[in-house]
Amino acid sequence: MENSTNGTEQFNGEGFVEELRNELQEIDSMEVGDHAQRFEALHQKLNQALSSIDGL
């Protein structure tokens, strides 16, 4: 089941990475004092993504 289409339908890795890159660029342009809250939200998003693909 390595190439299961169910996994790609539930999780688009390339789109997710692009979204993360855009968020990191936004954070980079913000004031340093505002980074912590955005990094925490990004960390939660990464944890959710890893949890959703854990069974693949």
N, C-alpha and C. Protein backbone atom coordinates (compact mmCIF):
# COMPACT_ATOMS: atom_id res chain seq x y z
N MET A 1 0.82 -1.21 0.00
CA MET A 1 0.00 0.00 0.00
C MET A 1 0.85 1.26 0.00
N GLU A 2 2.04 1.19 -0.51
CA GLU A 2 2.92 2.35 -0.51
C GLU A 2 2.36 3.50 -1.34
N ASN A 3 1.73 3.19 -2.45
CA ASN A 3 1.24 4.23 -3.36
C ASN A 3 -0.26 4.41 -3.24
N SER A 4 -0.80 4.30 -2.07
CA SER A 4 -2.23 4.45 -1.85
C SER A 4 -2.68 5.87 -2.17
N THR A 5 -3.76 5.97 -2.95
CA THR A 5 -4.28 7.29 -3.29
C THR A 5 -4.97 7.93 -2.11
N ASN A 6 -5.41 7.13 -1.14
CA ASN A 6 -6.06 7.70 0.04
C ASN A 6 -5.12 8.64 0.78
N GLY A 7 -3.86 8.28 0.89
CA GLY A 7 -2.90 9.11 1.60
C GLY A 7 -2.68 10.44 0.91
N THR A 8 -2.62 10.46 -0.42
CA THR A 8 -2.39 11.71 -1.13
C THR A 8 -3.64 12.57 -1.13
N GLU A 9 -4.80 11.97 -1.05
CA GLU A 9 -6.02 12.76 -1.00
C GLU A 9 -6.15 13.46 0.36
N GLN A 10 -5.70 12.79 1.41
CA GLN A 10 -5.84 13.35 2.74
C GLN A 10 -4.73 14.35 3.06
N PHE A 11 -3.56 14.14 2.47
CA PHE A 11 -2.43 14.99 2.81
C PHE A 11 -1.64 15.31 1.56
N ASN A 12 -1.61 16.58 1.18
CA ASN A 12 -0.85 17.03 0.02
C ASN A 12 0.47 17.59 0.53
N GLY A 13 1.51 16.78 0.51
CA GLY A 13 2.79 17.17 1.06
C GLY A 13 3.39 18.39 0.40
N GLU A 14 3.35 18.45 -0.93
CA GLU A 14 3.94 19.59 -1.64
C GLU A 14 3.20 20.88 -1.32
N GLY A 15 1.89 20.83 -1.29
CA GLY A 15 1.10 22.00 -0.96
C GLY A 15 1.33 22.46 0.47
N PHE A 16 1.47 21.47 1.35
CA PHE A 16 1.70 21.78 2.76
C PHE A 16 3.05 22.47 2.94
N VAL A 17 4.07 21.95 2.28
CA VAL A 17 5.41 22.54 2.38
C VAL A 17 5.40 23.96 1.82
N GLU A 18 4.74 24.17 0.72
CA GLU A 18 4.66 25.51 0.14
C GLU A 18 3.95 26.47 1.09
N GLU A 19 2.89 25.99 1.72
CA GLU A 19 2.16 26.81 2.69
C GLU A 19 3.06 27.18 3.87
N LEU A 20 3.84 26.21 4.35
CA LEU A 20 4.76 26.47 5.46
C LEU A 20 5.83 27.49 5.06
N ARG A 21 6.35 27.36 3.86
CA ARG A 21 7.36 28.30 3.39
C ARG A 21 6.80 29.72 3.33
N ASN A 22 5.57 29.85 2.86
CA ASN A 22 4.93 31.17 2.81
C ASN A 22 4.75 31.74 4.21
N GLU A 23 4.34 30.89 5.16
CA GLU A 23 4.17 31.36 6.53
C GLU A 23 5.50 31.80 7.13
N LEU A 24 6.55 31.03 6.87
CA LEU A 24 7.87 31.41 7.39
C LEU A 24 8.34 32.74 6.80
N GLN A 25 8.04 32.99 5.53
CA GLN A 25 8.41 34.27 4.92
C GLN A 25 7.64 35.41 5.57
N GLU A 26 6.36 35.17 5.87
CA GLU A 26 5.56 36.19 6.56
C GLU A 26 6.15 36.48 7.93
N ILE A 27 6.49 35.43 8.66
CA ILE A 27 7.06 35.59 10.00
C ILE A 27 8.36 36.37 9.92
N ASP A 28 9.18 36.07 8.91
CA ASP A 28 10.45 36.75 8.74
C ASP A 28 10.29 38.26 8.56
N SER A 29 9.18 38.67 7.96
CA SER A 29 8.97 40.09 7.71
C SER A 29 8.32 40.81 8.91
N MET A 30 7.96 40.05 9.94
CA MET A 30 7.31 40.63 11.11
C MET A 30 8.36 41.12 12.11
N GLU A 31 7.91 41.89 13.07
CA GLU A 31 8.77 42.30 14.18
C GLU A 31 9.14 41.07 15.00
N VAL A 32 10.35 41.04 15.51
CA VAL A 32 10.84 39.88 16.25
C VAL A 32 9.94 39.55 17.44
N GLY A 33 9.42 40.53 18.09
CA GLY A 33 8.56 40.31 19.26
C GLY A 33 7.27 39.57 18.93
N ASP A 34 6.89 39.57 17.67
CA ASP A 34 5.66 38.89 17.25
C ASP A 34 5.92 37.46 16.75
N HIS A 35 7.17 37.05 16.70
CA HIS A 35 7.51 35.73 16.16
C HIS A 35 6.99 34.58 17.02
N ALA A 36 7.08 34.68 18.33
CA ALA A 36 6.78 33.55 19.22
C ALA A 36 5.38 32.99 18.99
N GLN A 37 4.40 33.86 18.91
CA GLN A 37 3.01 33.40 18.74
C GLN A 37 2.84 32.69 17.39
N ARG A 38 3.43 33.25 16.34
CA ARG A 38 3.33 32.63 15.01
C ARG A 38 4.08 31.31 14.96
N PHE A 39 5.26 31.25 15.59
CA PHE A 39 6.01 30.00 15.61
C PHE A 39 5.25 28.92 16.37
N GLU A 40 4.58 29.30 17.44
CA GLU A 40 3.79 28.33 18.20
C GLU A 40 2.65 27.78 17.34
N ALA A 41 1.97 28.63 16.60
CA ALA A 41 0.90 28.19 15.72
C ALA A 41 1.44 27.28 14.62
N LEU A 42 2.60 27.62 14.09
CA LEU A 42 3.24 26.80 13.06
C LEU A 42 3.65 25.44 13.63
N HIS A 43 4.14 25.44 14.84
CA HIS A 43 4.52 24.19 15.51
C HIS A 43 3.30 23.28 15.67
N GLN A 44 2.18 23.84 16.07
CA GLN A 44 0.95 23.05 16.21
C GLN A 44 0.51 22.48 14.87
N LYS A 45 0.63 23.27 13.81
CA LYS A 45 0.25 22.82 12.48
C LYS A 45 1.14 21.65 12.04
N LEU A 46 2.44 21.75 12.31
CA LEU A 46 3.36 20.67 11.97
C LEU A 46 3.03 19.40 12.76
N ASN A 47 2.73 19.55 14.04
CA ASN A 47 2.36 18.39 14.86
C ASN A 47 1.11 17.71 14.33
N GLN A 48 0.12 18.49 13.93
CA GLN A 48 -1.11 17.92 13.37
C GLN A 48 -0.82 17.18 12.08
N ALA A 49 0.02 17.75 11.23
CA ALA A 49 0.35 17.11 9.96
C ALA A 49 1.08 15.79 10.20
N LEU A 50 2.03 15.80 11.12
CA LEU A 50 2.76 14.58 11.43
C LEU A 50 1.84 13.52 12.02
N SER A 51 0.91 13.92 12.84
CA SER A 51 -0.05 12.97 13.41
C SER A 51 -0.95 12.38 12.34
N SER A 52 -1.32 13.19 11.35
CA SER A 52 -2.23 12.70 10.31
C SER A 52 -1.55 11.73 9.36
N ILE A 53 -0.23 11.83 9.21
CA ILE A 53 0.47 10.93 8.29
C ILE A 53 1.22 9.83 9.02
N ASP A 54 1.08 9.78 10.32
CA ASP A 54 1.81 8.81 11.13
C ASP A 54 1.55 7.38 10.69
N GLY A 55 0.36 7.07 10.25
CA GLY A 55 0.01 5.72 9.86
C GLY A 55 0.42 5.35 8.45
N LEU A 56 0.96 6.27 7.69
CA LEU A 56 1.31 5.97 6.30
C LEU A 56 2.60 5.23 6.17
